[in-house]
C-alpha atoms as a PDB file:
ATOM      1  CA  MET A   1     125.660  87.627 135.794  1.00  0.00           C
ATOM      2  CA  MET A   2     126.047  84.664 138.045  1.00  0.00           C
ATOM      3  CA  ASP A   3     129.195  84.898 140.236  1.00  0.00           C
ATOM      4  CA  LYS A   4     131.430  81.934 140.685  1.00  0.00           C
ATOM      5  CA  LEU A   5     130.463  81.018 144.157  1.00  0.00           C
ATOM      6  CA  THR A   6     126.757  80.807 143.128  1.00  0.00           C
ATOM      7  CA  GLU A   7     127.614  78.680 140.035  1.00  0.00           C
ATOM      8  CA  ILE A   8     129.631  76.311 142.389  1.00  0.00           C
ATOM      9  CA  ILE A   9     126.865  76.006 144.866  1.00  0.00           C
ATOM     10  CA  ASN A  10     124.221  75.419 142.241  1.00  0.00           C
ATOM     11  CA  HIS A  11     126.357  72.625 140.769  1.00  0.00           C
ATOM     12  CA  LYS A  12     126.975  71.311 144.221  1.00  0.00           C
ATOM     13  CA  LYS A  13     123.178  70.867 144.871  1.00  0.00           C
ATOM     14  CA  ARG A  14     122.811  68.766 141.783  1.00  0.00           C
ATOM     15  CA  GLU A  15     125.859  66.732 142.634  1.00  0.00           C
ATOM     16  CA  VAL A  16     124.645  65.897 146.151  1.00  0.00           C
ATOM     17  CA  GLU A  17     121.198  64.835 144.928  1.00  0.00           C
ATOM     18  CA  ASN A  18     122.851  62.438 142.446  1.00  0.00           C
ATOM     19  CA  ARG A  19     125.212  61.168 145.096  1.00  0.00           C
ATOM     20  CA  LYS A  20     122.422  60.294 147.426  1.00  0.00           C
ATOM     21  CA  GLY A  21     121.066  57.986 144.891  1.00  0.00           C
ATOM     22  CA  LEU A  22     124.400  56.402 144.062  1.00  0.00           C
ATOM     23  CA  TYR A  23     125.807  56.024 147.628  1.00  0.00           C
ATOM     24  CA  PRO A  24     122.906  55.739 150.183  1.00  0.00           C
ATOM     25  CA  VAL A  25     123.618  56.709 153.858  1.00  0.00           C
ATOM     26  CA  ARG A  26     123.324  53.077 154.971  1.00  0.00           C
ATOM     27  CA  LEU A  27     126.257  52.314 152.685  1.00  0.00           C
ATOM     28  CA  LEU A  28     128.337  55.213 153.711  1.00  0.00           C
ATOM     29  CA  GLU A  29     127.807  54.044 157.320  1.00  0.00           C
ATOM     30  CA  GLN A  30     129.482  50.684 156.470  1.00  0.00           C
ATOM     31  CA  SER A  31     132.799  52.351 155.727  1.00  0.00           C
ATOM     32  CA  ILE A  32     135.732  51.088 157.772  1.00  0.00           C
ATOM     33  CA  PHE A  33     136.357  54.775 158.784  1.00  0.00           C
ATOM     34  CA  PHE A  34     132.932  55.544 160.011  1.00  0.00           C
ATOM     35  CA  PRO A  35     133.314  54.091 163.622  1.00  0.00           C
ATOM     36  CA  THR A  36     136.815  55.291 163.971  1.00  0.00           C
ATOM     37  CA  LYS A  37     137.454  58.140 166.651  1.00  0.00           C
ATOM     38  CA  SER A  38     138.335  61.367 164.907  1.00  0.00           C
ATOM     39  CA  LEU A  39     141.456  63.258 165.695  1.00  0.00           C
ATOM     40  CA  SER A  40     141.175  66.833 166.981  1.00  0.00           C
ATOM     41  CA  LEU A  41     142.298  69.479 164.424  1.00  0.00           C
ATOM     42  CA  LYS A  42     141.922  72.131 167.160  1.00  0.00           C
ATOM     43  CA  HIS A  43     144.286  70.174 169.471  1.00  0.00           C
ATOM     44  CA  TYR A  44     146.890  69.699 166.680  1.00  0.00           C
ATOM     45  CA  ILE A  45     146.876  73.327 165.706  1.00  0.00           C
ATOM     46  CA  LYS A  46     147.548  74.375 169.283  1.00  0.00           C
ATOM     47  CA  ARG A  47     150.354  71.732 169.931  1.00  0.00           C
ATOM     48  CA  PRO A  48     153.489  73.647 170.782  1.00  0.00           C
ATOM     49  CA  ASP A  49     155.563  71.051 168.842  1.00  0.00           C
ATOM     50  CA  LYS A  50     153.795  71.659 165.598  1.00  0.00           C
ATOM     51  CA  SER A  51     153.903  74.484 163.061  1.00  0.00           C
ATOM     52  CA  GLY A  52     150.201  75.434 162.857  1.00  0.00           C
ATOM     53  CA  VAL A  53     150.406  74.823 159.081  1.00  0.00           C
ATOM     54  CA  ILE A  54     147.393  72.868 157.607  1.00  0.00           C
ATOM     55  CA  ALA A  55     149.079  71.671 154.307  1.00  0.00           C
ATOM     56  CA  GLU A  56     146.594  71.226 151.504  1.00  0.00           C
ATOM     57  CA  ILE A  57     146.204  69.007 148.464  1.00  0.00           C
ATOM     58  CA  LYS A  58     144.828  71.201 145.717  1.00  0.00           C
ATOM     59  CA  ARG A  59     144.907  70.176 142.043  1.00  0.00           C
ATOM     60  CA  LYS A  60     143.325  73.369 140.465  1.00  0.00           C
ATOM     61  CA  SER A  61     141.208  76.284 141.076  1.00  0.00           C
ATOM     62  CA  PRO A  62     138.470  78.095 139.280  1.00  0.00           C
ATOM     63  CA  SER A  63     140.519  81.280 139.132  1.00  0.00           C
ATOM     64  CA  LYS A  64     143.996  79.837 138.382  1.00  0.00           C
ATOM     65  CA  GLY A  65     143.322  76.656 136.418  1.00  0.00           C
ATOM     66  CA  ASP A  66     145.531  73.678 136.840  1.00  0.00           C
ATOM     67  CA  ILE A  67     148.024  73.898 139.595  1.00  0.00           C
ATOM     68  CA  ASN A  68     149.282  70.351 140.095  1.00  0.00           C
ATOM     69  CA  PRO A  69     146.786  68.023 138.422  1.00  0.00           C
ATOM     70  CA  TYR A  70     148.877  64.902 138.720  1.00  0.00           C
ATOM     71  CA  VAL A  71     150.195  65.122 142.241  1.00  0.00           C
ATOM     72  CA  SER A  72     150.788  62.043 144.124  1.00  0.00           C
ATOM     73  CA  VAL A  73     148.558  62.266 147.204  1.00  0.00           C
ATOM     74  CA  GLU A  74     150.438  59.412 148.977  1.00  0.00           C
ATOM     75  CA  ARG A  75     153.887  60.958 148.612  1.00  0.00           C
ATOM     76  CA  THR A  76     152.742  64.511 149.103  1.00  0.00           C
ATOM     77  CA  SER A  77     150.669  63.981 152.161  1.00  0.00           C
ATOM     78  CA  ILE A  78     153.368  61.750 153.930  1.00  0.00           C
ATOM     79  CA  GLY A  79     155.828  64.465 152.985  1.00  0.00           C
ATOM     80  CA  TYR A  80     153.851  67.327 154.498  1.00  0.00           C
ATOM     81  CA  MET A  81     153.487  65.482 157.860  1.00  0.00           C
ATOM     82  CA  GLN A  82     157.304  64.721 157.943  1.00  0.00           C
ATOM     83  CA  ALA A  83     157.893  68.385 157.140  1.00  0.00           C
ATOM     84  CA  GLY A  84     156.166  69.283 160.257  1.00  0.00           C
ATOM     85  CA  ALA A  85     152.644  70.230 159.232  1.00  0.00           C
ATOM     86  CA  SER A  86     149.991  70.228 161.897  1.00  0.00           C
ATOM     87  CA  ALA A  87     147.338  68.688 159.714  1.00  0.00           C
ATOM     88  CA  LEU A  88     146.310  68.031 156.174  1.00  0.00           C
ATOM     89  CA  SER A  89     143.491  69.540 154.072  1.00  0.00           C
ATOM     90  CA  VAL A  90     142.117  67.730 151.021  1.00  0.00           C
ATOM     91  CA  LEU A  91     139.932  69.354 148.480  1.00  0.00           C
ATOM     92  CA  THR A  92     137.329  66.870 147.321  1.00  0.00           C
ATOM     93  CA  ASP A  93     135.472  68.947 144.804  1.00  0.00           C
ATOM     94  CA  LYS A  94     135.975  67.558 141.381  1.00  0.00           C
ATOM     95  CA  GLU A  95     134.125  70.055 138.944  1.00  0.00           C
ATOM     96  CA  PHE A  96     135.953  73.134 140.024  1.00  0.00           C
ATOM     97  CA  PHE A  97     139.103  71.954 141.891  1.00  0.00           C
ATOM     98  CA  GLY A  98     140.001  68.683 140.421  1.00  0.00           C
ATOM     99  CA  GLY A  99     139.910  66.656 143.607  1.00  0.00           C
ATOM    100  CA  SER A 100     137.868  63.503 144.644  1.00  0.00           C
ATOM    101  CA  ASN A 101     136.869  61.665 147.804  1.00  0.00           C
ATOM    102  CA  ASP A 102     139.521  59.128 146.858  1.00  0.00           C
ATOM    103  CA  ASP A 103     142.195  61.771 147.368  1.00  0.00           C
ATOM    104  CA  LEU A 104     141.101  61.987 151.038  1.00  0.00           C
ATOM    105  CA  VAL A 105     140.792  58.231 151.353  1.00  0.00           C
ATOM    106  CA  VAL A 106     144.367  57.930 150.227  1.00  0.00           C
ATOM    107  CA  ALA A 107     145.701  60.603 152.657  1.00  0.00           C
ATOM    108  CA  ARG A 108     143.808  58.963 155.550  1.00  0.00           C
ATOM    109  CA  ARG A 109     145.319  55.521 154.788  1.00  0.00           C
ATOM    110  CA  PHE A 110     148.932  56.764 154.865  1.00  0.00           C
ATOM    111  CA  ASN A 111     148.762  59.413 157.703  1.00  0.00           C
ATOM    112  CA  PHE A 112     147.707  59.558 161.420  1.00  0.00           C
ATOM    113  CA  CYS A 113     146.942  63.176 161.700  1.00  0.00           C
ATOM    114  CA  PRO A 114     143.839  65.351 161.534  1.00  0.00           C
ATOM    115  CA  ILE A 115     142.457  65.742 157.923  1.00  0.00           C
ATOM    116  CA  LEU A 116     140.180  68.619 157.066  1.00  0.00           C
ATOM    117  CA  ARG A 117     137.773  67.896 154.099  1.00  0.00           C
ATOM    118  CA  LYS A 118     137.754  71.009 152.049  1.00  0.00           C
ATOM    119  CA  GLU A 119     134.347  71.064 150.279  1.00  0.00           C
ATOM    120  CA  PHE A 120     131.384  73.119 149.673  1.00  0.00           C
ATOM    121  CA  ILE A 121     129.141  71.403 152.291  1.00  0.00           C
ATOM    122  CA  ILE A 122     125.449  72.378 152.108  1.00  0.00           C
ATOM    123  CA  ASP A 123     123.762  69.125 153.159  1.00  0.00           C
ATOM    124  CA  GLU A 124     123.869  66.672 156.159  1.00  0.00           C
ATOM    125  CA  TYR A 125     124.631  63.975 153.585  1.00  0.00           C
ATOM    126  CA  GLN A 126     128.006  65.482 152.899  1.00  0.00           C
ATOM    127  CA  VAL A 127     128.632  65.507 156.659  1.00  0.00           C
ATOM    128  CA  ILE A 128     127.983  61.638 156.863  1.00  0.00           C
ATOM    129  CA  GLU A 129     130.080  61.224 153.745  1.00  0.00           C
ATOM    130  CA  SER A 130     132.992  63.083 155.200  1.00  0.00           C
ATOM    131  CA  LYS A 131     132.970  60.710 158.155  1.00  0.00           C
ATOM    132  CA  SER A 132     132.819  57.750 155.825  1.00  0.00           C
ATOM    133  CA  ILE A 133     135.981  58.773 153.774  1.00  0.00           C
ATOM    134  CA  GLY A 134     138.113  59.378 156.952  1.00  0.00           C
ATOM    135  CA  ALA A 135     137.839  63.099 157.446  1.00  0.00           C
ATOM    136  CA  ASP A 136     138.319  64.460 161.059  1.00  0.00           C
ATOM    137  CA  ALA A 137     137.011  67.946 160.449  1.00  0.00           C
ATOM    138  CA  ILE A 138     134.921  69.652 157.847  1.00  0.00           C
ATOM    139  CA  LEU A 139     134.763  73.190 156.351  1.00  0.00           C
ATOM    140  CA  LEU A 140     131.569  75.219 156.531  1.00  0.00           C
ATOM    141  CA  ILE A 141     131.553  78.299 154.630  1.00  0.00           C
ATOM    142  CA  ALA A 142     129.513  81.339 156.191  1.00  0.00           C
ATOM    143  CA  ALA A 143     129.113  82.936 152.734  1.00  0.00           C
ATOM    144  CA  VAL A 144     126.817  80.243 151.468  1.00  0.00           C
ATOM    145  CA  LEU A 145     125.067  79.198 154.721  1.00  0.00           C
ATOM    146  CA  ASP A 146     122.659  81.157 156.806  1.00  0.00           C
ATOM    147  CA  GLU A 147     122.785  81.004 160.732  1.00  0.00           C
ATOM    148  CA  ASN A 148     120.424  78.173 161.067  1.00  0.00           C
ATOM    149  CA  GLU A 149     122.197  76.138 158.461  1.00  0.00           C
ATOM    150  CA  LEU A 150     125.553  76.818 160.159  1.00  0.00           C
ATOM    151  CA  LEU A 151     124.246  75.846 163.484  1.00  0.00           C
ATOM    152  CA  LYS A 152     122.429  72.655 162.122  1.00  0.00           C
ATOM    153  CA  LEU A 153     125.301  71.382 160.210  1.00  0.00           C
ATOM    154  CA  THR A 154     127.878  72.107 163.115  1.00  0.00           C
ATOM    155  CA  GLN A 155     125.712  70.315 165.593  1.00  0.00           C
ATOM    156  CA  PHE A 156     125.249  67.390 163.214  1.00  0.00           C
ATOM    157  CA  ALA A 157     129.013  67.082 162.577  1.00  0.00           C
ATOM    158  CA  HIS A 158     129.637  67.106 166.281  1.00  0.00           C
ATOM    159  CA  SER A 159     127.235  64.363 166.769  1.00  0.00           C
ATOM    160  CA  LEU A 160     129.446  62.270 164.616  1.00  0.00           C
ATOM    161  CA  GLY A 161     132.537  63.215 166.369  1.00  0.00           C
ATOM    162  CA  LEU A 162     133.822  65.746 163.578  1.00  0.00           C
ATOM    163  CA  GLU A 163     135.195  69.231 164.381  1.00  0.00           C
ATOM    164  CA  VAL A 164     134.127  72.114 162.283  1.00  0.00           C
ATOM    165  CA  LEU A 165     136.138  75.005 160.843  1.00  0.00           C
ATOM    166  CA  ILE A 166     133.745  77.760 159.812  1.00  0.00           C
ATOM    167  CA  GLU A 167     135.181  80.132 157.243  1.00  0.00           C
ATOM    168  CA  ILE A 168     134.430  83.832 157.138  1.00  0.00           C
ATOM    169  CA  HIS A 169     135.481  86.623 154.872  1.00  0.00           C
ATOM    170  CA  GLU A 170     133.676  89.665 156.201  1.00  0.00           C
ATOM    171  CA  GLU A 171     132.444  91.076 159.506  1.00  0.00           C
ATOM    172  CA  ALA A 172     128.741  90.430 158.606  1.00  0.00           C
ATOM    173  CA  GLU A 173     129.506  86.637 158.773  1.00  0.00           C
ATOM    174  CA  LEU A 174     131.211  86.773 162.175  1.00  0.00           C
ATOM    175  CA  ASP A 175     128.343  86.624 164.561  1.00  0.00           C
ATOM    176  CA  ARG A 176     126.658  83.693 162.972  1.00  0.00           C
ATOM    177  CA  CYS A 177     129.855  81.846 162.845  1.00  0.00           C
ATOM    178  CA  LEU A 178     130.309  82.328 166.619  1.00  0.00           C
ATOM    179  CA  SER A 179     126.714  81.501 167.375  1.00  0.00           C
ATOM    180  CA  ALA A 180     127.146  78.046 165.580  1.00  0.00           C
ATOM    181  CA  ASN A 181     130.005  76.963 168.220  1.00  0.00           C
ATOM    182  CA  ALA A 182     132.698  76.447 165.562  1.00  0.00           C
ATOM    183  CA  ASP A 183     135.797  74.659 166.828  1.00  0.00           C
ATOM    184  CA  LEU A 184     137.892  76.724 164.676  1.00  0.00           C
ATOM    185  CA  VAL A 185     137.444  79.923 162.781  1.00  0.00           C
ATOM    186  CA  GLY A 186     138.945  80.432 159.318  1.00  0.00           C
ATOM    187  CA  VAL A 187     139.444  83.825 157.888  1.00  0.00           C
ATOM    188  CA  ASN A 188     139.768  83.788 154.084  1.00  0.00           C
ATOM    189  CA  ASN A 189     141.734  86.610 152.498  1.00  0.00           C
ATOM    190  CA  ARG A 190     140.265  85.612 149.207  1.00  0.00           C
ATOM    191  CA  ASP A 191     136.663  86.825 148.350  1.00  0.00           C
ATOM    192  CA  LEU A 192     134.977  83.708 147.065  1.00  0.00           C
ATOM    193  CA  ARG A 193     132.892  85.831 144.714  1.00  0.00           C
ATOM    194  CA  THR A 194     135.596  87.659 142.880  1.00  0.00           C
ATOM    195  CA  PHE A 195     138.724  85.629 143.907  1.00  0.00           C
ATOM    196  CA  LYS A 196     140.521  88.665 144.757  1.00  0.00           C
ATOM    197  CA  VAL A 197     143.059  88.478 147.698  1.00  0.00           C
ATOM    198  CA  ASP A 198     143.331  91.013 150.579  1.00  0.00           C
ATOM    199  CA  LEU A 199     145.952  89.838 153.093  1.00  0.00           C
ATOM    200  CA  ASN A 200     144.958  92.483 155.630  1.00  0.00           C
ATOM    201  CA  GLN A 201     141.484  91.006 155.843  1.00  0.00           C
ATOM    202  CA  SER A 202     142.539  88.308 158.420  1.00  0.00           C
ATOM    203  CA  ILE A 203     144.105  90.836 160.779  1.00  0.00           C
ATOM    204  CA  ARG A 204     141.125  93.058 160.672  1.00  0.00           C
ATOM    205  CA  LEU A 205     138.690  90.302 161.517  1.00  0.00           C
ATOM    206  CA  ALA A 206     141.086  88.581 163.875  1.00  0.00           C
ATOM    207  CA  LYS A 207     140.946  91.596 166.247  1.00  0.00           C
ATOM    208  CA  LYS A 208     137.174  90.978 166.519  1.00  0.00           C
ATOM    209  CA  LEU A 209     137.260  87.353 167.371  1.00  0.00           C
ATOM    210  CA  PRO A 210     137.288  86.126 171.002  1.00  0.00           C
ATOM    211  CA  ASP A 211     140.638  85.628 172.449  1.00  0.00           C
ATOM    212  CA  ASP A 212     139.882  81.920 172.932  1.00  0.00           C
ATOM    213  CA  ALA A 213     138.831  81.301 169.383  1.00  0.00           C
ATOM    214  CA  VAL A 214     141.327  79.068 167.443  1.00  0.00           C
ATOM    215  CA  LYS A 215     141.948  81.373 164.481  1.00  0.00           C
ATOM    216  CA  ILE A 216     143.167  80.155 161.038  1.00  0.00           C
ATOM    217  CA  ALA A 217     144.362  82.388 158.291  1.00  0.00           C
ATOM    218  CA  GLU A 218     143.514  81.151 154.648  1.00  0.00           C
ATOM    219  CA  SER A 219     144.624  81.953 151.239  1.00  0.00           C
ATOM    220  CA  GLY A 220     147.273  84.280 149.745  1.00  0.00           C
ATOM    221  CA  ILE A 221     150.028  83.125 152.275  1.00  0.00           C
ATOM    222  CA  ASP A 222     152.828  82.845 150.041  1.00  0.00           C
ATOM    223  CA  SER A 223     155.752  83.259 152.397  1.00  0.00           C
ATOM    224  CA  ALA A 224     156.898  82.206 155.896  1.00  0.00           C
ATOM    225  CA  ALA A 225     157.242  85.995 156.750  1.00  0.00           C
ATOM    226  CA  THR A 226     153.647  86.503 155.967  1.00  0.00           C
ATOM    227  CA  ALA A 227     152.648  83.616 158.296  1.00  0.00           C
ATOM    228  CA  ALA A 228     155.102  84.785 160.953  1.00  0.00           C
ATOM    229  CA  TYR A 229     153.356  88.219 160.796  1.00  0.00           C
ATOM    230  CA  LEU A 230     149.903  86.770 161.061  1.00  0.00           C
ATOM    231  CA  SER A 231     151.064  84.516 164.045  1.00  0.00           C
ATOM    232  CA  GLN A 232     152.138  87.816 165.808  1.00  0.00           C
ATOM    233  CA  ASN A 233     148.647  89.267 165.162  1.00  0.00           C
ATOM    234  CA  GLY A 234     146.829  86.354 167.031  1.00  0.00           C
ATOM    235  CA  PHE A 235     146.629  83.580 164.415  1.00  0.00           C
ATOM    236  CA  ASP A 236     147.059  79.986 165.553  1.00  0.00           C
ATOM    237  CA  GLY A 237     147.191  78.350 162.207  1.00  0.00           C
ATOM    238  CA  PHE A 238     147.584  78.801 158.429  1.00  0.00           C
ATOM    239  CA  LEU A 239     145.810  76.858 155.738  1.00  0.00           C
ATOM    240  CA  ILE A 240     148.174  76.677 152.724  1.00  0.00           C
ATOM    241  CA  GLY A 241     147.760  74.989 149.441  1.00  0.00           C
ATOM    242  CA  GLU A 242     148.635  76.858 146.300  1.00  0.00           C
ATOM    243  CA  SER A 243     152.062  78.186 147.289  1.00  0.00           C
ATOM    244  CA  PHE A 244     153.119  74.514 148.096  1.00  0.00           C
ATOM    245  CA  MET A 245     151.206  72.828 145.234  1.00  0.00           C
ATOM    246  CA  ARG A 246     152.847  75.052 142.474  1.00  0.00           C
ATOM    247  CA  ALA A 247     156.222  73.254 143.414  1.00  0.00           C
ATOM    248  CA  ALA A 248     157.288  70.127 141.528  1.00  0.00           C
ATOM    249  CA  ARG A 249     157.597  68.585 145.005  1.00  0.00           C
ATOM    250  CA  PRO A 250     154.981  70.303 147.204  1.00  0.00           C
ATOM    251  CA  GLU A 251     156.214  68.515 150.290  1.00  0.00           C
ATOM    252  CA  ILE A 252     159.722  69.946 149.878  1.00  0.00           C
ATOM    253  CA  ALA A 253     158.279  73.499 149.512  1.00  0.00           C
ATOM    254  CA  ALA A 254     156.328  72.871 152.652  1.00  0.00           C
ATOM    255  CA  GLY A 255     159.380  71.760 154.425  1.00  0.00           C
ATOM    256  CA  GLU A 256     161.362  74.771 153.523  1.00  0.00           C
ATOM    257  CA  PHE A 257     158.426  77.113 154.477  1.00  0.00           C
ATOM    258  CA  ILE A 258     157.848  75.447 157.905  1.00  0.00           C
ATOM    259  CA  LYS A 259     161.604  75.414 158.753  1.00  0.00           C
ATOM    260  CA  GLU A 260     161.677  79.190 157.901  1.00  0.00           C
ATOM    261  CA  LEU A 261     158.486  79.911 159.830  1.00  0.00           C
ATOM    262  CA  ASN A 262     159.765  78.219 163.035  1.00  0.00           C
ATOM    263  CA  ARG A 263     162.944  80.098 162.766  1.00  0.00           C
ATOM    264  CA  LEU A 264     161.072  83.391 162.467  1.00  0.00           C
ATOM    265  CA  LYS A 265     158.756  82.571 165.397  1.00  0.00           C
ATOM    266  CA  ALA A 266     161.721  81.527 167.513  1.00  0.00           C
ATOM    267  CA  LYS A 267     163.462  84.844 166.688  1.00  0.00           C
ATOM    268  CA  THR A 268     160.373  86.712 167.501  1.00  0.00           C
ATOM    269  CA  LYS A 269     160.080  85.000 170.811  1.00  0.00           C
ATOM    270  CA  SER A 270     163.711  85.547 171.530  1.00  0.00           C
ATOM    271  CA  ASP A 271     163.386  89.305 170.762  1.00  0.00           C
ATOM    272  CA  VAL A 272     160.455  89.665 173.112  1.00  0.00           C
ATOM    273  CA  THR A 273     162.482  87.739 175.890  1.00  0.00           C
ATOM    274  CA  VAL A 274     165.446  90.101 175.377  1.00  0.00           C
ATOM    275  CA  LYS A 275     163.163  93.186 175.521  1.00  0.00           C
ATOM    276  CA  ALA A 276     161.430  92.045 178.505  1.00  0.00           C
END
């Protein structure tokens, strides 16, 4: 039986070939965003005045169905940044996640911050497309790309000034992620084949990453306490979508989350100082 990830990738291959005919590379390169210098997601995640939260626009998911299909991207993205998010993530897959390239374009027009394009990228065409719609960074998923594909797509993204977040879920994917010189490494607590969540997965893999790797925990982070715990275990950032998007006003939920996260981080730092 075909698993969901294989189904998504098979559909994506057909979609990309179709888009190549509709929107040729020469047309994409004429976008007003294409010559614009990208912002560094890595830098914003490490900024001490930021929360480390990458706040996501996510309309639905294959496993949960509709989450917030009619969300205002303008209001929510602006609200996320006002709440103290380090960056934005926008899901652009339409078939399985209800997103679109237009969602990212809207977020770009109203925000000066790094924007991660959350997409199933399998082709250099999609990297060019990402630049043309205003993304600063792209997601590459180790579960669907071999070592050569990861390296090739990462190098191509870098040639366009884009940063790369490579997502891993298991130890077998770690070496080829590091070989590709990712700017950031995301550890997904959710198995993309079964959609089951294991929050301890991030911590187990984080211990095997180099100390200087910028580490992002993804999926299943539903409380500030969980994020604070992951921070104590070496994570620099947190990609959070569903727990915000299920609220009527995702930006308000993000603000409350970030405020509590900052409080817990400050308390931990204070406790360490006192003990020292």
